[in-house]
Amino acid sequence: MVPGTLSLRRPHRLTKPSDYQAVFRNGRRFADSRFVILVRPNGLEHARLGLAIARRNVPTAVARNRVKRIVRESFRLHRASLPAVDVVVMAQREAATADRKAMAESLARHWTKIAACKAH
């Protein structure tokens, strides 16, 4: 593997409010008890990740940061198998107390669904 291929650099992140708004307006929804994931084709050559972890669902900063780290790690590991889509991940209440393994398995199922349907 080439060094740096698993980093989450700026081109692989949603950075503008308009990018998030487009996904929220026109995104396809995947959900389970831990995460809601919105997906929209982006017209680029790679997938991009955005995080919307609400304080209402994950009340402490420590827990929110933990959820974000786990989501980013999972996205980096599965990014090569994803089509060219913008992805926004939102945490459900159960994510605040779920262990790392449970969250990783949940996200892996979502990435597999997204890869299978090509977000259409």
C-alpha atoms as a PDB file:
ATOM      1  CA  MET A   1       0.000   0.000   0.000  1.00  0.00           C
ATOM      2  CA  VAL A   2       1.242   3.495  -0.848  1.00  0.00           C
ATOM      3  CA  PRO A   3       1.948   5.673   2.225  1.00  0.00           C
ATOM      4  CA  GLY A   4      -0.754   8.248   2.809  1.00  0.00           C
ATOM      5  CA  THR A   5      -3.471   6.450   0.852  1.00  0.00           C
ATOM      6  CA  LEU A   6      -5.535   5.972   3.995  1.00  0.00           C
ATOM      7  CA  SER A   7      -5.363   9.565   5.147  1.00  0.00           C
ATOM      8  CA  LEU A   8      -8.496  11.682   4.931  1.00  0.00           C
ATOM      9  CA  ARG A   9      -7.220  14.691   3.032  1.00  0.00           C
ATOM     10  CA  ARG A  10      -9.227  17.749   2.099  1.00  0.00           C
ATOM     11  CA  PRO A  11     -10.427  16.463  -1.324  1.00  0.00           C
ATOM     12  CA  HIS A  12     -12.080  13.536   0.480  1.00  0.00           C
ATOM     13  CA  ARG A  13     -14.073  15.696   2.910  1.00  0.00           C
ATOM     14  CA  LEU A  14     -17.152  17.852   2.515  1.00  0.00           C
ATOM     15  CA  THR A  15     -15.980  21.345   3.379  1.00  0.00           C
ATOM     16  CA  LYS A  16     -18.645  23.784   2.159  1.00  0.00           C
ATOM     17  CA  PRO A  17     -22.144  24.296   3.540  1.00  0.00           C
ATOM     18  CA  SER A  18     -23.484  24.023  -0.022  1.00  0.00           C
ATOM     19  CA  ASP A  19     -22.022  20.501  -0.285  1.00  0.00           C
ATOM     20  CA  TYR A  20     -23.861  19.467   2.878  1.00  0.00           C
ATOM     21  CA  GLN A  21     -27.089  21.151   1.750  1.00  0.00           C
ATOM     22  CA  ALA A  22     -27.049  19.273  -1.562  1.00  0.00           C
ATOM     23  CA  VAL A  23     -26.731  15.942   0.252  1.00  0.00           C
ATOM     24  CA  PHE A  24     -29.435  16.821   2.792  1.00  0.00           C
ATOM     25  CA  ARG A  25     -31.796  17.950   0.019  1.00  0.00           C
ATOM     26  CA  ASN A  26     -31.259  15.155  -2.507  1.00  0.00           C
ATOM     27  CA  GLY A  27     -29.492  12.344  -0.671  1.00  0.00           C
ATOM     28  CA  ARG A  28     -30.538   8.741  -0.465  1.00  0.00           C
ATOM     29  CA  ARG A  29     -30.998   7.614   3.143  1.00  0.00           C
ATOM     30  CA  PHE A  30     -29.564   4.530   4.847  1.00  0.00           C
ATOM     31  CA  ALA A  31     -30.302   4.046   8.540  1.00  0.00           C
ATOM     32  CA  ASP A  32     -29.947   1.664  11.438  1.00  0.00           C
ATOM     33  CA  SER A  33     -30.028   2.060  15.211  1.00  0.00           C
ATOM     34  CA  ARG A  34     -26.587   3.753  15.335  1.00  0.00           C
ATOM     35  CA  PHE A  35     -26.268   5.874  12.187  1.00  0.00           C
ATOM     36  CA  VAL A  36     -28.236   7.676   9.508  1.00  0.00           C
ATOM     37  CA  ILE A  37     -26.224   8.023   6.320  1.00  0.00           C
ATOM     38  CA  LEU A  38     -27.195  10.265   3.414  1.00  0.00           C
ATOM     39  CA  VAL A  39     -25.582   9.619   0.036  1.00  0.00           C
ATOM     40  CA  ARG A  40     -25.623  11.618  -3.192  1.00  0.00           C
ATOM     41  CA  PRO A  41     -23.567  11.204  -6.402  1.00  0.00           C
ATOM     42  CA  ASN A  42     -20.936  13.942  -6.607  1.00  0.00           C
ATOM     43  CA  GLY A  43     -19.623  13.849 -10.178  1.00  0.00           C
ATOM     44  CA  LEU A  44     -16.030  13.484  -8.994  1.00  0.00           C
ATOM     45  CA  GLU A  45     -13.746  10.472  -9.157  1.00  0.00           C
ATOM     46  CA  HIS A  46     -13.860   9.675  -5.439  1.00  0.00           C
ATOM     47  CA  ALA A  47     -16.127   9.601  -2.405  1.00  0.00           C
ATOM     48  CA  ARG A  48     -16.225  12.458   0.106  1.00  0.00           C
ATOM     49  CA  LEU A  49     -17.230  12.334   3.777  1.00  0.00           C
ATOM     50  CA  GLY A  50     -19.124  14.828   5.886  1.00  0.00           C
ATOM     51  CA  LEU A  51     -19.984  14.450   9.575  1.00  0.00           C
ATOM     52  CA  ALA A  52     -23.058  15.838  11.310  1.00  0.00           C
ATOM     53  CA  ILE A  53     -22.876  14.496  14.866  1.00  0.00           C
ATOM     54  CA  ALA A  54     -25.575  16.267  16.876  1.00  0.00           C
ATOM     55  CA  ARG A  55     -25.074  17.179  20.521  1.00  0.00           C
ATOM     56  CA  ARG A  56     -28.672  16.141  21.121  1.00  0.00           C
ATOM     57  CA  ASN A  57     -27.879  12.529  20.192  1.00  0.00           C
ATOM     58  CA  VAL A  58     -24.290  12.346  21.490  1.00  0.00           C
ATOM     59  CA  PRO A  59     -24.273  14.717  24.467  1.00  0.00           C
ATOM     60  CA  THR A  60     -20.630  14.845  25.551  1.00  0.00           C
ATOM     61  CA  ALA A  61     -17.744  16.207  23.516  1.00  0.00           C
ATOM     62  CA  VAL A  62     -15.654  13.150  24.365  1.00  0.00           C
ATOM     63  CA  ALA A  63     -18.310  10.823  22.951  1.00  0.00           C
ATOM     64  CA  ARG A  64     -18.832  12.998  19.833  1.00  0.00           C
ATOM     65  CA  ASN A  65     -15.100  13.038  19.114  1.00  0.00           C
ATOM     66  CA  ARG A  66     -14.922   9.263  19.619  1.00  0.00           C
ATOM     67  CA  VAL A  67     -17.803   8.701  17.172  1.00  0.00           C
ATOM     68  CA  LYS A  68     -16.153  11.007  14.621  1.00  0.00           C
ATOM     69  CA  ARG A  69     -12.812   9.189  14.889  1.00  0.00           C
ATOM     70  CA  ILE A  70     -14.465   5.818  14.369  1.00  0.00           C
ATOM     71  CA  VAL A  71     -16.504   7.061  11.382  1.00  0.00           C
ATOM     72  CA  ARG A  72     -13.445   8.654   9.740  1.00  0.00           C
ATOM     73  CA  GLU A  73     -11.376   5.498  10.264  1.00  0.00           C
ATOM     74  CA  SER A  74     -14.100   3.287   8.801  1.00  0.00           C
ATOM     75  CA  PHE A  75     -14.561   5.616   5.819  1.00  0.00           C
ATOM     76  CA  ARG A  76     -10.803   5.629   5.117  1.00  0.00           C
ATOM     77  CA  LEU A  77     -10.708   1.842   5.160  1.00  0.00           C
ATOM     78  CA  HIS A  78     -13.696   1.472   2.808  1.00  0.00           C
ATOM     79  CA  ARG A  79     -13.204   4.545   0.603  1.00  0.00           C
ATOM     80  CA  ALA A  80     -11.655   2.592  -2.288  1.00  0.00           C
ATOM     81  CA  SER A  81     -14.767   0.408  -2.616  1.00  0.00           C
ATOM     82  CA  LEU A  82     -17.217   3.328  -2.652  1.00  0.00           C
ATOM     83  CA  PRO A  83     -18.513   4.964  -5.821  1.00  0.00           C
ATOM     84  CA  ALA A  84     -18.116   8.708  -6.443  1.00  0.00           C
ATOM     85  CA  VAL A  85     -20.581   9.961  -3.842  1.00  0.00           C
ATOM     86  CA  ASP A  86     -20.881  12.553  -1.116  1.00  0.00           C
ATOM     87  CA  VAL A  87     -21.675  10.904   2.220  1.00  0.00           C
ATOM     88  CA  VAL A  88     -23.006  12.623   5.335  1.00  0.00           C
ATOM     89  CA  VAL A  89     -22.993  10.511   8.499  1.00  0.00           C
ATOM     90  CA  MET A  90     -25.290  11.419  11.379  1.00  0.00           C
ATOM     91  CA  ALA A  91     -25.212   9.589  14.717  1.00  0.00           C
ATOM     92  CA  GLN A  92     -28.288   8.179  16.403  1.00  0.00           C
ATOM     93  CA  ARG A  93     -28.555   8.118  20.221  1.00  0.00           C
ATOM     94  CA  GLU A  94     -27.342   4.519  20.400  1.00  0.00           C
ATOM     95  CA  ALA A  95     -23.992   5.497  18.856  1.00  0.00           C
ATOM     96  CA  ALA A  96     -23.114   7.439  22.009  1.00  0.00           C
ATOM     97  CA  THR A  97     -22.921   4.253  24.072  1.00  0.00           C
ATOM     98  CA  ALA A  98     -22.026   1.658  21.428  1.00  0.00           C
ATOM     99  CA  ASP A  99     -18.582   0.105  21.514  1.00  0.00           C
ATOM    100  CA  ARG A 100     -16.049   0.545  18.718  1.00  0.00           C
ATOM    101  CA  LYS A 101     -16.665  -2.909  17.253  1.00  0.00           C
ATOM    102  CA  ALA A 102     -20.440  -2.437  17.043  1.00  0.00           C
ATOM    103  CA  MET A 103     -20.050   0.953  15.353  1.00  0.00           C
ATOM    104  CA  ALA A 104     -17.462  -0.370  12.901  1.00  0.00           C
ATOM    105  CA  GLU A 105     -19.723  -3.294  11.955  1.00  0.00           C
ATOM    106  CA  SER A 106     -22.691  -0.972  11.485  1.00  0.00           C
ATOM    107  CA  LEU A 107     -20.681   1.353   9.259  1.00  0.00           C
ATOM    108  CA  ALA A 108     -19.232  -1.555   7.264  1.00  0.00           C
ATOM    109  CA  ARG A 109     -22.773  -2.723   6.478  1.00  0.00           C
ATOM    110  CA  HIS A 110     -23.657   0.777   5.300  1.00  0.00           C
ATOM    111  CA  TRP A 111     -20.558   1.047   3.090  1.00  0.00           C
ATOM    112  CA  THR A 112     -21.390  -2.344   1.545  1.00  0.00           C
ATOM    113  CA  LYS A 113     -24.962  -1.211   0.757  1.00  0.00           C
ATOM    114  CA  ILE A 114     -23.706   2.028  -0.759  1.00  0.00           C
ATOM    115  CA  ALA A 115     -21.141   0.224  -2.897  1.00  0.00           C
ATOM    116  CA  ALA A 116     -23.760  -2.286  -4.064  1.00  0.00           C
ATOM    117  CA  CYS A 117     -26.360   0.234  -5.165  1.00  0.00           C
ATOM    118  CA  LYS A 118     -23.950   2.849  -6.552  1.00  0.00           C
ATOM    119  CA  ALA A 119     -26.176   5.459  -4.813  1.00  0.00           C
ATOM    120  CA  HIS A 120     -28.838   5.418  -7.562  1.00  0.00           C
END
